Amino acid sequence: MRFGQHRSRFLLPLVFGIALWGLGAARPCAAASITFSRATAAGVPVMVITVDLNDPAVKVTGMLAQYGGGHSERFDSMISRAHPTAAVTGTFFGEGSLLPIGDIVVDGQMVHRGGVGTGLCITPDNDCRFVHPPHRYADMDWSPFDFVCCSGPCLVRHGRAGVYPAAEGFHDHDLLGMATRLAVGRTRRNRLLFVTTRCRIYLSRMSRVMRALGCMDAISLDAGSSLGYYYKSRMLVTPHRKLTNLILIYDDKSRYARFKSRLYPSRQEAAPRSGELASRHLPDAQTGRFATAHPALRRENGTWWVR
């Protein structure tokens, strides 16, 4: 009897310890919702960050440079402020104006209105959609979404690969020529893929890459000298210039909640630079709509300027 009691005293802590170990071993499954891998798709070597949006703990959001639109910041500085699990460059921006080309919504708030591109849109419960505005500078209602980043051109639409940049208003030679690429796409299983190349390819080749990886919808993000790619304390690709916006991924919504106040400036913190060029010349048919959407701008000799 005494031996049995002694054995019970020994076994109970052991069983309890094994149970705790089992619980601890289960926790990395959450971390596996955000993974990094290398692959070859459509004959192109790529790096892929995969985000499982079926995990309710995962959070995908955006970030502006300190002081907001019209300003830029080092990639590593933005990472240090936001503490994400992973991060990539967001949408394109003007080299002179430093204003992103597309609409950006963070935490349900419109933090920048650009008017160009297809929207990567995510609801508070991680429902992901790619929304195609009817035309450039459309006054879109993004209120159903917690995060929106408009970029382009579109690479895959409803499972079909194809690129029509001119139809979407993209004419920049650097974008249309050969370059290192970054894109985001959604698979049938509600996973987001952030895919980058380290070789220079055309957009048409990138569209085939995204389709080969199983994306049903995909858009191009800013890359080339702006390409930034970060995963779990590893700076996999460092951009050659400062950036204006990022896409961030968190594996824990509580950590996102701690740092979300750093993701975009309040009105008091925003500091637009007076007299700076805000955009290139716009078609006359769009100027009225652009003025309404951007009350902080004035028109002079056919060009829009920050007041």
C-alpha atoms as a PDB file:
ATOM      1  CA  MET A   1       0.000   0.000   0.000  1.00  0.00           C
ATOM      2  CA  ARG A   2       2.759   2.392   0.901  1.00  0.00           C
ATOM      3  CA  PHE A   3       4.544   1.518  -2.318  1.00  0.00           C
ATOM      4  CA  GLY A   4       1.395   2.269  -4.300  1.00  0.00           C
ATOM      5  CA  GLN A   5       0.994   5.613  -2.562  1.00  0.00           C
ATOM      6  CA  HIS A   6       4.624   6.454  -3.275  1.00  0.00           C
ATOM      7  CA  ARG A   7       4.212   5.486  -6.922  1.00  0.00           C
ATOM      8  CA  SER A   8       1.072   7.633  -7.223  1.00  0.00           C
ATOM      9  CA  ARG A   9       2.918  10.622  -5.790  1.00  0.00           C
ATOM     10  CA  PHE A  10       5.613  10.104  -8.395  1.00  0.00           C
ATOM     11  CA  LEU A  11       3.314   9.500 -11.364  1.00  0.00           C
ATOM     12  CA  LEU A  12       0.861  12.366 -10.803  1.00  0.00           C
ATOM     13  CA  PRO A  13       3.432  15.164 -11.344  1.00  0.00           C
ATOM     14  CA  LEU A  14       4.794  13.227 -14.319  1.00  0.00           C
ATOM     15  CA  VAL A  15       1.362  12.939 -15.956  1.00  0.00           C
ATOM     16  CA  PHE A  16       0.636  16.600 -15.176  1.00  0.00           C
ATOM     17  CA  GLY A  17       3.943  17.618 -16.718  1.00  0.00           C
ATOM     18  CA  ILE A  18       3.276  15.599 -19.877  1.00  0.00           C
ATOM     19  CA  ALA A  19      -0.142  17.241 -20.197  1.00  0.00           C
ATOM     20  CA  LEU A  20       1.412  20.717 -19.920  1.00  0.00           C
ATOM     21  CA  TRP A  21       4.034  19.751 -22.481  1.00  0.00           C
ATOM     22  CA  GLY A  22       1.266  18.611 -24.813  1.00  0.00           C
ATOM     23  CA  LEU A  23      -0.500  21.950 -24.464  1.00  0.00           C
ATOM     24  CA  GLY A  24       2.745  23.799 -25.125  1.00  0.00           C
ATOM     25  CA  ALA A  25       3.430  21.636 -28.136  1.00  0.00           C
ATOM     26  CA  ALA A  26       0.064  22.590 -29.571  1.00  0.00           C
ATOM     27  CA  ARG A  27       0.798  26.314 -29.480  1.00  0.00           C
ATOM     28  CA  PRO A  28       3.178  26.386 -32.470  1.00  0.00           C
ATOM     29  CA  CYS A  29       0.178  25.458 -34.668  1.00  0.00           C
ATOM     30  CA  ALA A  30      -0.885  29.099 -34.366  1.00  0.00           C
ATOM     31  CA  ALA A  31       2.560  30.223 -35.483  1.00  0.00           C
ATOM     32  CA  ALA A  32       2.255  27.858 -38.468  1.00  0.00           C
ATOM     33  CA  SER A  33      -0.560  30.087 -39.750  1.00  0.00           C
ATOM     34  CA  ILE A  34       2.195  32.374 -41.077  1.00  0.00           C
ATOM     35  CA  THR A  35       4.955  30.487 -42.884  1.00  0.00           C
ATOM     36  CA  PHE A  36       7.882  31.209 -45.184  1.00  0.00           C
ATOM     37  CA  SER A  37       9.051  28.997 -48.026  1.00  0.00           C
ATOM     38  CA  ARG A  38      11.051  28.977 -51.235  1.00  0.00           C
ATOM     39  CA  ALA A  39       9.637  27.470 -54.402  1.00  0.00           C
ATOM     40  CA  THR A  40       9.772  27.518 -58.184  1.00  0.00           C
ATOM     41  CA  ALA A  41       6.563  28.429 -60.029  1.00  0.00           C
ATOM     42  CA  ALA A  42       6.172  28.793 -63.810  1.00  0.00           C
ATOM     43  CA  GLY A  43       9.942  28.309 -63.991  1.00  0.00           C
ATOM     44  CA  VAL A  44      10.679  31.282 -61.690  1.00  0.00           C
ATOM     45  CA  PRO A  45      12.386  30.913 -58.266  1.00  0.00           C
ATOM     46  CA  VAL A  46      10.297  32.723 -55.651  1.00  0.00           C
ATOM     47  CA  MET A  47      10.001  33.353 -51.930  1.00  0.00           C
ATOM     48  CA  VAL A  48       6.541  32.968 -50.430  1.00  0.00           C
ATOM     49  CA  ILE A  49       4.998  34.150 -47.162  1.00  0.00           C
ATOM     50  CA  THR A  50       1.756  32.206 -46.683  1.00  0.00           C
ATOM     51  CA  VAL A  51      -0.923  33.570 -44.337  1.00  0.00           C
ATOM     52  CA  ASP A  52      -3.795  31.325 -43.251  1.00  0.00           C
ATOM     53  CA  LEU A  53      -6.767  33.662 -42.858  1.00  0.00           C
ATOM     54  CA  ASN A  54      -8.819  30.805 -41.388  1.00  0.00           C
ATOM     55  CA  ASP A  55      -6.929  31.364 -38.122  1.00  0.00           C
ATOM     56  CA  PRO A  56      -8.895  34.030 -36.183  1.00  0.00           C
ATOM     57  CA  ALA A  57      -5.715  35.102 -34.349  1.00  0.00           C
ATOM     58  CA  VAL A  58      -4.081  36.268 -37.592  1.00  0.00           C
ATOM     59  CA  LYS A  59      -4.234  39.957 -38.494  1.00  0.00           C
ATOM     60  CA  VAL A  60      -3.339  41.540 -41.852  1.00  0.00           C
ATOM     61  CA  THR A  61      -3.216  45.332 -41.913  1.00  0.00           C
ATOM     62  CA  GLY A  62      -1.349  48.320 -43.320  1.00  0.00           C
ATOM     63  CA  MET A  63       0.998  51.049 -42.186  1.00  0.00           C
ATOM     64  CA  LEU A  64       1.963  54.539 -43.351  1.00  0.00           C
ATOM     65  CA  ALA A  65       5.319  56.213 -42.924  1.00  0.00           C
ATOM     66  CA  GLN A  66       5.699  58.484 -39.929  1.00  0.00           C
ATOM     67  CA  TYR A  67       3.740  61.729 -40.511  1.00  0.00           C
ATOM     68  CA  GLY A  68       1.606  60.017 -43.184  1.00  0.00           C
ATOM     69  CA  GLY A  69       1.122  60.805 -46.882  1.00  0.00           C
ATOM     70  CA  GLY A  70       3.856  62.860 -48.517  1.00  0.00           C
ATOM     71  CA  HIS A  71       6.517  61.393 -46.223  1.00  0.00           C
ATOM     72  CA  SER A  72       8.781  58.354 -46.306  1.00  0.00           C
ATOM     73  CA  GLU A  73      10.613  56.233 -43.751  1.00  0.00           C
ATOM     74  CA  ARG A  74      13.230  53.491 -43.695  1.00  0.00           C
ATOM     75  CA  PHE A  75      11.830  49.960 -43.908  1.00  0.00           C
ATOM     76  CA  ASP A  76      13.670  48.799 -40.782  1.00  0.00           C
ATOM     77  CA  SER A  77      12.418  51.836 -38.850  1.00  0.00           C
ATOM     78  CA  MET A  78       8.808  51.026 -39.754  1.00  0.00           C
ATOM     79  CA  ILE A  79       9.326  47.400 -38.697  1.00  0.00           C
ATOM     80  CA  SER A  80      10.785  48.521 -35.369  1.00  0.00           C
ATOM     81  CA  ARG A  81       7.761  50.725 -34.690  1.00  0.00           C
ATOM     82  CA  ALA A  82       5.122  48.152 -35.632  1.00  0.00           C
ATOM     83  CA  HIS A  83       6.645  44.826 -34.420  1.00  0.00           C
ATOM     84  CA  PRO A  84       4.876  42.605 -37.002  1.00  0.00           C
ATOM     85  CA  THR A  85       5.458  38.901 -37.591  1.00  0.00           C
ATOM     86  CA  ALA A  86       5.976  39.611 -41.287  1.00  0.00           C
ATOM     87  CA  ALA A  87       5.876  42.671 -43.531  1.00  0.00           C
ATOM     88  CA  VAL A  88       6.169  43.567 -47.218  1.00  0.00           C
ATOM     89  CA  THR A  89       6.122  46.729 -49.320  1.00  0.00           C
ATOM     90  CA  GLY A  90       2.618  48.009 -50.043  1.00  0.00           C
ATOM     91  CA  THR A  91       1.358  49.990 -53.020  1.00  0.00           C
ATOM     92  CA  PHE A  92       3.288  52.246 -55.417  1.00  0.00           C
ATOM     93  CA  PHE A  93       3.945  55.915 -54.673  1.00  0.00           C
ATOM     94  CA  GLY A  94       5.109  59.003 -56.527  1.00  0.00           C
ATOM     95  CA  GLU A  95       8.856  59.582 -56.392  1.00  0.00           C
ATOM     96  CA  GLY A  96       8.400  63.330 -56.075  1.00  0.00           C
ATOM     97  CA  SER A  97       5.181  63.564 -54.104  1.00  0.00           C
ATOM     98  CA  LEU A  98       5.717  60.447 -51.920  1.00  0.00           C
ATOM     99  CA  LEU A  99       1.949  59.923 -52.101  1.00  0.00           C
ATOM    100  CA  PRO A 100       0.657  56.322 -52.532  1.00  0.00           C
ATOM    101  CA  ILE A 101      -1.302  55.807 -55.743  1.00  0.00           C
ATOM    102  CA  GLY A 102      -4.108  53.762 -54.172  1.00  0.00           C
ATOM    103  CA  ASP A 103      -6.630  54.027 -51.355  1.00  0.00           C
ATOM    104  CA  ILE A 104      -5.406  52.705 -47.992  1.00  0.00           C
ATOM    105  CA  VAL A 105      -7.659  51.760 -45.069  1.00  0.00           C
ATOM    106  CA  VAL A 106      -6.172  50.767 -41.701  1.00  0.00           C
ATOM    107  CA  ASP A 107      -8.233  49.676 -38.690  1.00  0.00           C
ATOM    108  CA  GLY A 108     -11.379  50.643 -40.586  1.00  0.00           C
ATOM    109  CA  GLN A 109     -10.121  54.213 -41.115  1.00  0.00           C
ATOM    110  CA  MET A 110      -9.418  55.776 -44.513  1.00  0.00           C
ATOM    111  CA  VAL A 111      -5.831  56.931 -43.990  1.00  0.00           C
ATOM    112  CA  HIS A 112      -5.044  57.779 -47.617  1.00  0.00           C
ATOM    113  CA  ARG A 113      -7.122  58.254 -50.767  1.00  0.00           C
ATOM    114  CA  GLY A 114      -5.236  57.646 -53.995  1.00  0.00           C
ATOM    115  CA  GLY A 115      -7.901  56.478 -56.440  1.00  0.00           C
ATOM    116  CA  VAL A 116      -5.900  53.999 -58.529  1.00  0.00           C
ATOM    117  CA  GLY A 117      -5.700  50.217 -58.503  1.00  0.00           C
ATOM    118  CA  THR A 118      -7.538  47.091 -57.358  1.00  0.00           C
ATOM    119  CA  GLY A 119      -8.228  46.755 -53.651  1.00  0.00           C
ATOM    120  CA  LEU A 120      -6.878  43.960 -51.465  1.00  0.00           C
ATOM    121  CA  CYS A 121      -9.698  44.079 -48.914  1.00  0.00           C
ATOM    122  CA  ILE A 122      -9.990  42.207 -45.609  1.00  0.00           C
ATOM    123  CA  THR A 123     -12.919  42.317 -43.177  1.00  0.00           C
ATOM    124  CA  PRO A 124     -12.547  42.209 -39.366  1.00  0.00           C
ATOM    125  CA  ASP A 125     -13.239  38.437 -39.459  1.00  0.00           C
ATOM    126  CA  ASN A 126     -10.554  37.788 -42.126  1.00  0.00           C
ATOM    127  CA  ASP A 127     -12.826  37.478 -45.146  1.00  0.00           C
ATOM    128  CA  CYS A 128     -10.565  38.476 -48.066  1.00  0.00           C
ATOM    129  CA  ARG A 129     -11.763  39.943 -51.361  1.00  0.00           C
ATOM    130  CA  PHE A 130     -10.192  41.684 -54.324  1.00  0.00           C
ATOM    131  CA  VAL A 131     -12.391  44.644 -55.275  1.00  0.00           C
ATOM    132  CA  HIS A 132     -12.112  46.248 -58.728  1.00  0.00           C
ATOM    133  CA  PRO A 133     -13.330  49.888 -58.762  1.00  0.00           C
ATOM    134  CA  PRO A 134     -15.408  50.831 -61.826  1.00  0.00           C
ATOM    135  CA  HIS A 135     -12.901  53.502 -62.872  1.00  0.00           C
ATOM    136  CA  ARG A 136      -9.931  55.530 -61.620  1.00  0.00           C
ATOM    137  CA  TYR A 137     -10.620  57.943 -58.752  1.00  0.00           C
ATOM    138  CA  ALA A 138     -13.955  56.267 -58.016  1.00  0.00           C
ATOM    139  CA  ASP A 139     -15.351  57.326 -54.628  1.00  0.00           C
ATOM    140  CA  MET A 140     -15.406  53.823 -53.129  1.00  0.00           C
ATOM    141  CA  ASP A 141     -17.206  52.804 -49.956  1.00  0.00           C
ATOM    142  CA  TRP A 142     -14.633  50.760 -48.038  1.00  0.00           C
ATOM    143  CA  SER A 143     -16.631  50.748 -44.785  1.00  0.00           C
ATOM    144  CA  PRO A 144     -17.197  46.942 -44.724  1.00  0.00           C
ATOM    145  CA  PHE A 145     -13.446  46.382 -44.532  1.00  0.00           C
ATOM    146  CA  ASP A 146     -10.900  46.677 -41.750  1.00  0.00           C
ATOM    147  CA  PHE A 147      -7.961  46.842 -44.170  1.00  0.00           C
ATOM    148  CA  VAL A 148      -7.695  47.954 -47.794  1.00  0.00           C
ATOM    149  CA  CYS A 149      -4.619  48.438 -49.977  1.00  0.00           C
ATOM    150  CA  CYS A 150      -5.220  49.387 -53.610  1.00  0.00           C
ATOM    151  CA  SER A 151      -2.452  48.496 -56.013  1.00  0.00           C
ATOM    152  CA  GLY A 152      -1.986  46.805 -59.363  1.00  0.00           C
ATOM    153  CA  PRO A 153      -2.167  45.980 -62.062  1.00  0.00           C
ATOM    154  CA  CYS A 154      -4.314  42.900 -61.598  1.00  0.00           C
ATOM    155  CA  LEU A 155      -2.435  39.662 -62.348  1.00  0.00           C
ATOM    156  CA  VAL A 156      -5.085  36.977 -61.801  1.00  0.00           C
ATOM    157  CA  ARG A 157      -8.838  37.503 -61.809  1.00  0.00           C
ATOM    158  CA  HIS A 158     -11.360  34.757 -61.003  1.00  0.00           C
ATOM    159  CA  GLY A 159      -8.713  32.113 -61.674  1.00  0.00           C
ATOM    160  CA  ARG A 160      -7.561  33.512 -65.035  1.00  0.00           C
ATOM    161  CA  ALA A 161      -4.044  34.895 -65.472  1.00  0.00           C
ATOM    162  CA  GLY A 162      -3.765  38.038 -67.573  1.00  0.00           C
ATOM    163  CA  VAL A 163      -2.368  41.563 -67.372  1.00  0.00           C
ATOM    164  CA  TYR A 164      -4.010  44.676 -68.858  1.00  0.00           C
ATOM    165  CA  PRO A 165      -2.134  47.586 -67.239  1.00  0.00           C
ATOM    166  CA  ALA A 166      -3.226  50.318 -69.668  1.00  0.00           C
ATOM    167  CA  ALA A 167      -6.899  49.526 -69.042  1.00  0.00           C
ATOM    168  CA  GLU A 168      -6.271  50.068 -65.321  1.00  0.00           C
ATOM    169  CA  GLY A 169      -4.354  53.309 -65.863  1.00  0.00           C
ATOM    170  CA  PHE A 170      -0.807  51.978 -65.401  1.00  0.00           C
ATOM    171  CA  HIS A 171       1.606  53.387 -68.004  1.00  0.00           C
ATOM    172  CA  ASP A 172       4.935  53.700 -66.153  1.00  0.00           C
ATOM    173  CA  HIS A 173       7.835  52.206 -68.147  1.00  0.00           C
ATOM    174  CA  ASP A 174       9.602  50.925 -65.025  1.00  0.00           C
ATOM    175  CA  LEU A 175       6.462  49.021 -64.027  1.00  0.00           C
ATOM    176  CA  LEU A 176       5.847  47.541 -67.474  1.00  0.00           C
ATOM    177  CA  GLY A 177       9.468  46.534 -68.151  1.00  0.00           C
ATOM    178  CA  MET A 178      11.471  43.720 -66.596  1.00  0.00           C
ATOM    179  CA  ALA A 179      11.902  44.095 -62.828  1.00  0.00           C
ATOM    180  CA  THR A 180      11.991  42.162 -59.594  1.00  0.00           C
ATOM    181  CA  ARG A 181       8.373  41.563 -58.603  1.00  0.00           C
ATOM    182  CA  LEU A 182       6.191  41.422 -55.517  1.00  0.00           C
ATOM    183  CA  ALA A 183       2.561  40.306 -55.597  1.00  0.00           C
ATOM    184  CA  VAL A 184      -0.232  39.224 -53.269  1.00  0.00           C
ATOM    185  CA  GLY A 185      -2.834  36.620 -54.107  1.00  0.00           C
ATOM    186  CA  ARG A 186      -5.663  34.622 -52.533  1.00  0.00           C
ATOM    187  CA  THR A 187      -6.136  30.863 -52.894  1.00  0.00           C
ATOM    188  CA  ARG A 188      -9.360  28.839 -52.760  1.00  0.00           C
ATOM    189  CA  ARG A 189      -8.522  27.827 -49.181  1.00  0.00           C
ATOM    190  CA  ASN A 190      -8.545  31.448 -47.958  1.00  0.00           C
ATOM    191  CA  ARG A 191      -4.795  31.773 -47.777  1.00  0.00           C
ATOM    192  CA  LEU A 192      -2.903  34.909 -48.752  1.00  0.00           C
ATOM    193  CA  LEU A 193       0.371  34.465 -50.601  1.00  0.00           C
ATOM    194  CA  PHE A 194       2.947  37.277 -50.622  1.00  0.00           C
ATOM    195  CA  VAL A 195       5.297  36.264 -53.427  1.00  0.00           C
ATOM    196  CA  THR A 196       8.552  37.897 -54.496  1.00  0.00           C
ATOM    197  CA  THR A 197      11.128  37.144 -57.166  1.00  0.00           C
ATOM    198  CA  ARG A 198      14.830  37.905 -57.010  1.00  0.00           C
ATOM    199  CA  CYS A 199      15.160  37.884 -60.804  1.00  0.00           C
ATOM    200  CA  ARG A 200      13.769  40.456 -63.219  1.00  0.00           C
ATOM    201  CA  ILE A 201      10.635  39.339 -65.074  1.00  0.00           C
ATOM    202  CA  TYR A 202       7.694  40.881 -66.926  1.00  0.00           C
ATOM    203  CA  LEU A 203       4.278  41.300 -65.323  1.00  0.00           C
ATOM    204  CA  SER A 204       2.835  38.681 -67.694  1.00  0.00           C
ATOM    205  CA  ARG A 205       5.306  36.122 -66.295  1.00  0.00           C
ATOM    206  CA  MET A 206       4.411  37.130 -62.740  1.00  0.00           C
ATOM    207  CA  SER A 207       0.739  36.533 -63.491  1.00  0.00           C
ATOM    208  CA  ARG A 208       1.595  32.955 -64.509  1.00  0.00           C
ATOM    209  CA  VAL A 209       3.656  32.536 -61.337  1.00  0.00           C
ATOM    210  CA  MET A 210       0.718  33.538 -59.135  1.00  0.00           C
ATOM    211  CA  ARG A 211      -1.688  31.256 -61.009  1.00  0.00           C
ATOM    212  CA  ALA A 212       0.778  28.340 -60.769  1.00  0.00           C
ATOM    213  CA  LEU A 213       0.849  28.848 -56.996  1.00  0.00           C
ATOM    214  CA  GLY A 214      -2.914  28.406 -56.872  1.00  0.00           C
ATOM    215  CA  CYS A 215      -4.096  32.021 -56.644  1.00  0.00           C
ATOM    216  CA  MET A 216      -7.652  32.762 -57.785  1.00  0.00           C
ATOM    217  CA  ASP A 217      -7.065  36.529 -57.562  1.00  0.00           C
ATOM    218  CA  ALA A 218      -3.800  38.462 -57.393  1.00  0.00           C
ATOM    219  CA  ILE A 219      -2.422  41.967 -57.827  1.00  0.00           C
ATOM    220  CA  SER A 220       1.055  43.419 -58.174  1.00  0.00           C
ATOM    221  CA  LEU A 221       2.623  45.392 -55.312  1.00  0.00           C
ATOM    222  CA  ASP A 222       5.490  47.880 -55.426  1.00  0.00           C
ATOM    223  CA  ALA A 223       8.876  46.210 -55.920  1.00  0.00           C
ATOM    224  CA  GLY A 224      12.128  46.952 -57.762  1.00  0.00           C
ATOM    225  CA  SER A 225      14.191  49.314 -55.616  1.00  0.00           C
ATOM    226  CA  SER A 226      11.230  49.579 -53.201  1.00  0.00           C
ATOM    227  CA  LEU A 227      11.067  45.836 -52.494  1.00  0.00           C
ATOM    228  CA  GLY A 228      11.023  45.084 -48.768  1.00  0.00           C
ATOM    229  CA  TYR A 229      10.422  41.560 -47.439  1.00  0.00           C
ATOM    230  CA  TYR A 230      10.554  40.704 -43.723  1.00  0.00           C
ATOM    231  CA  TYR A 231       9.716  37.514 -41.828  1.00  0.00           C
ATOM    232  CA  LYS A 232      10.156  36.765 -38.116  1.00  0.00           C
ATOM    233  CA  SER A 233      13.153  38.989 -37.327  1.00  0.00           C
ATOM    234  CA  ARG A 234      14.791  38.217 -40.691  1.00  0.00           C
ATOM    235  CA  MET A 235      15.213  41.043 -43.180  1.00  0.00           C
ATOM    236  CA  LEU A 236      15.059  38.853 -46.285  1.00  0.00           C
ATOM    237  CA  VAL A 237      15.083  41.766 -48.762  1.00  0.00           C
ATOM    238  CA  THR A 238      15.995  45.343 -47.846  1.00  0.00           C
ATOM    239  CA  PRO A 239      14.695  48.144 -50.102  1.00  0.00           C
ATOM    240  CA  HIS A 240      17.170  50.576 -51.641  1.00  0.00           C
ATOM    241  CA  ARG A 241      15.092  53.601 -50.692  1.00  0.00           C
ATOM    242  CA  LYS A 242      12.677  54.804 -48.035  1.00  0.00           C
ATOM    243  CA  LEU A 243       9.047  53.712 -48.290  1.00  0.00           C
ATOM    244  CA  THR A 244       5.666  55.327 -47.742  1.00  0.00           C
ATOM    245  CA  ASN A 245       3.500  52.315 -46.835  1.00  0.00           C
ATOM    246  CA  LEU A 246       3.676  48.637 -45.845  1.00  0.00           C
ATOM    247  CA  ILE A 247       1.454  45.592 -45.490  1.00  0.00           C
ATOM    248  CA  LEU A 248       1.875  43.983 -42.056  1.00  0.00           C
ATOM    249  CA  ILE A 249       0.986  40.489 -40.825  1.00  0.00           C
ATOM    250  CA  TYR A 250       0.573  39.602 -37.135  1.00  0.00           C
ATOM    251  CA  ASP A 251       0.184  36.090 -35.704  1.00  0.00           C
ATOM    252  CA  ASP A 252      -1.476  37.517 -32.586  1.00  0.00           C
ATOM    253  CA  LYS A 253      -4.232  40.148 -32.622  1.00  0.00           C
ATOM    254  CA  SER A 254      -3.360  41.239 -29.078  1.00  0.00           C
ATOM    255  CA  ARG A 255       0.109  42.280 -30.283  1.00  0.00           C
ATOM    256  CA  TYR A 256      -1.496  44.151 -33.171  1.00  0.00           C
ATOM    257  CA  ALA A 257      -3.741  45.942 -30.653  1.00  0.00           C
ATOM    258  CA  ARG A 258      -0.660  47.050 -28.696  1.00  0.00           C
ATOM    259  CA  PHE A 259       0.982  48.698 -31.695  1.00  0.00           C
ATOM    260  CA  LYS A 260      -1.898  49.789 -33.942  1.00  0.00           C
ATOM    261  CA  SER A 261      -1.660  53.400 -32.724  1.00  0.00           C
ATOM    262  CA  ARG A 262       1.742  53.543 -34.483  1.00  0.00           C
ATOM    263  CA  LEU A 263       0.449  52.413 -37.869  1.00  0.00           C
ATOM    264  CA  TYR A 264      -0.821  55.755 -39.114  1.00  0.00           C
ATOM    265  CA  PRO A 265      -0.569  59.311 -37.765  1.00  0.00           C
ATOM    266  CA  SER A 266      -3.396  61.195 -36.147  1.00  0.00           C
ATOM    267  CA  ARG A 267      -4.479  64.495 -37.745  1.00  0.00           C
ATOM    268  CA  GLN A 268      -2.282  66.358 -35.268  1.00  0.00           C
ATOM    269  CA  GLU A 269       0.770  64.253 -36.172  1.00  0.00           C
ATOM    270  CA  ALA A 270       0.320  64.456 -39.944  1.00  0.00           C
ATOM    271  CA  ALA A 271       2.550  67.120 -41.434  1.00  0.00           C
ATOM    272  CA  PRO A 272       2.076  67.640 -45.201  1.00  0.00           C
ATOM    273  CA  ARG A 273       4.853  69.635 -46.802  1.00  0.00           C
ATOM    274  CA  SER A 274       3.603  72.911 -48.212  1.00  0.00           C
ATOM    275  CA  GLY A 275       4.126  73.486 -51.933  1.00  0.00           C
ATOM    276  CA  GLU A 276       5.052  69.875 -52.679  1.00  0.00           C
ATOM    277  CA  LEU A 277       3.828  68.298 -55.881  1.00  0.00           C
ATOM    278  CA  ALA A 278       0.922  66.009 -55.038  1.00  0.00           C
ATOM    279  CA  SER A 279       0.392  64.188 -58.325  1.00  0.00           C
ATOM    280  CA  ARG A 280       1.023  64.233 -62.039  1.00  0.00           C
ATOM    281  CA  HIS A 281      -1.351  65.913 -64.459  1.00  0.00           C
ATOM    282  CA  LEU A 282      -4.825  64.384 -64.362  1.00  0.00           C
ATOM    283  CA  PRO A 283      -7.443  64.157 -67.134  1.00  0.00           C
ATOM    284  CA  ASP A 284      -9.856  67.108 -67.017  1.00  0.00           C
ATOM    285  CA  ALA A 285     -12.767  64.678 -66.618  1.00  0.00           C
ATOM    286  CA  GLN A 286     -11.304  63.548 -63.283  1.00  0.00           C
ATOM    287  CA  THR A 287     -10.333  66.872 -61.759  1.00  0.00           C
ATOM    288  CA  GLY A 288     -13.689  67.622 -60.119  1.00  0.00           C
ATOM    289  CA  ARG A 289     -13.846  64.210 -58.487  1.00  0.00           C
ATOM    290  CA  PHE A 290     -10.193  64.444 -57.422  1.00  0.00           C
ATOM    291  CA  ALA A 291     -10.753  67.846 -55.796  1.00  0.00           C
ATOM    292  CA  THR A 292     -13.685  66.488 -53.785  1.00  0.00           C
ATOM    293  CA  ALA A 293     -11.696  63.462 -52.622  1.00  0.00           C
ATOM    294  CA  HIS A 294      -8.608  65.531 -51.772  1.00  0.00           C
ATOM    295  CA  PRO A 295      -9.775  68.777 -50.096  1.00  0.00           C
ATOM    296  CA  ALA A 296      -6.217  69.462 -48.917  1.00  0.00           C
ATOM    297  CA  LEU A 297      -5.072  69.981 -52.526  1.00  0.00           C
ATOM    298  CA  ARG A 298      -5.253  72.965 -54.858  1.00  0.00           C
ATOM    299  CA  ARG A 299      -5.010  73.052 -58.667  1.00  0.00           C
ATOM    300  CA  GLU A 300      -2.534  75.300 -60.431  1.00  0.00           C
ATOM    301  CA  ASN A 301      -1.756  75.210 -64.174  1.00  0.00           C
ATOM    302  CA  GLY A 302      -3.287  71.759 -64.505  1.00  0.00           C
ATOM    303  CA  THR A 303      -1.285  70.254 -61.620  1.00  0.00           C
ATOM    304  CA  TRP A 304      -2.426  69.427 -58.079  1.00  0.00           C
ATOM    305  CA  TRP A 305      -0.409  70.711 -55.096  1.00  0.00           C
ATOM    306  CA  VAL A 306      -0.599  70.243 -51.322  1.00  0.00           C
ATOM    307  CA  ARG A 307      -2.036  73.382 -49.727  1.00  0.00           C
END
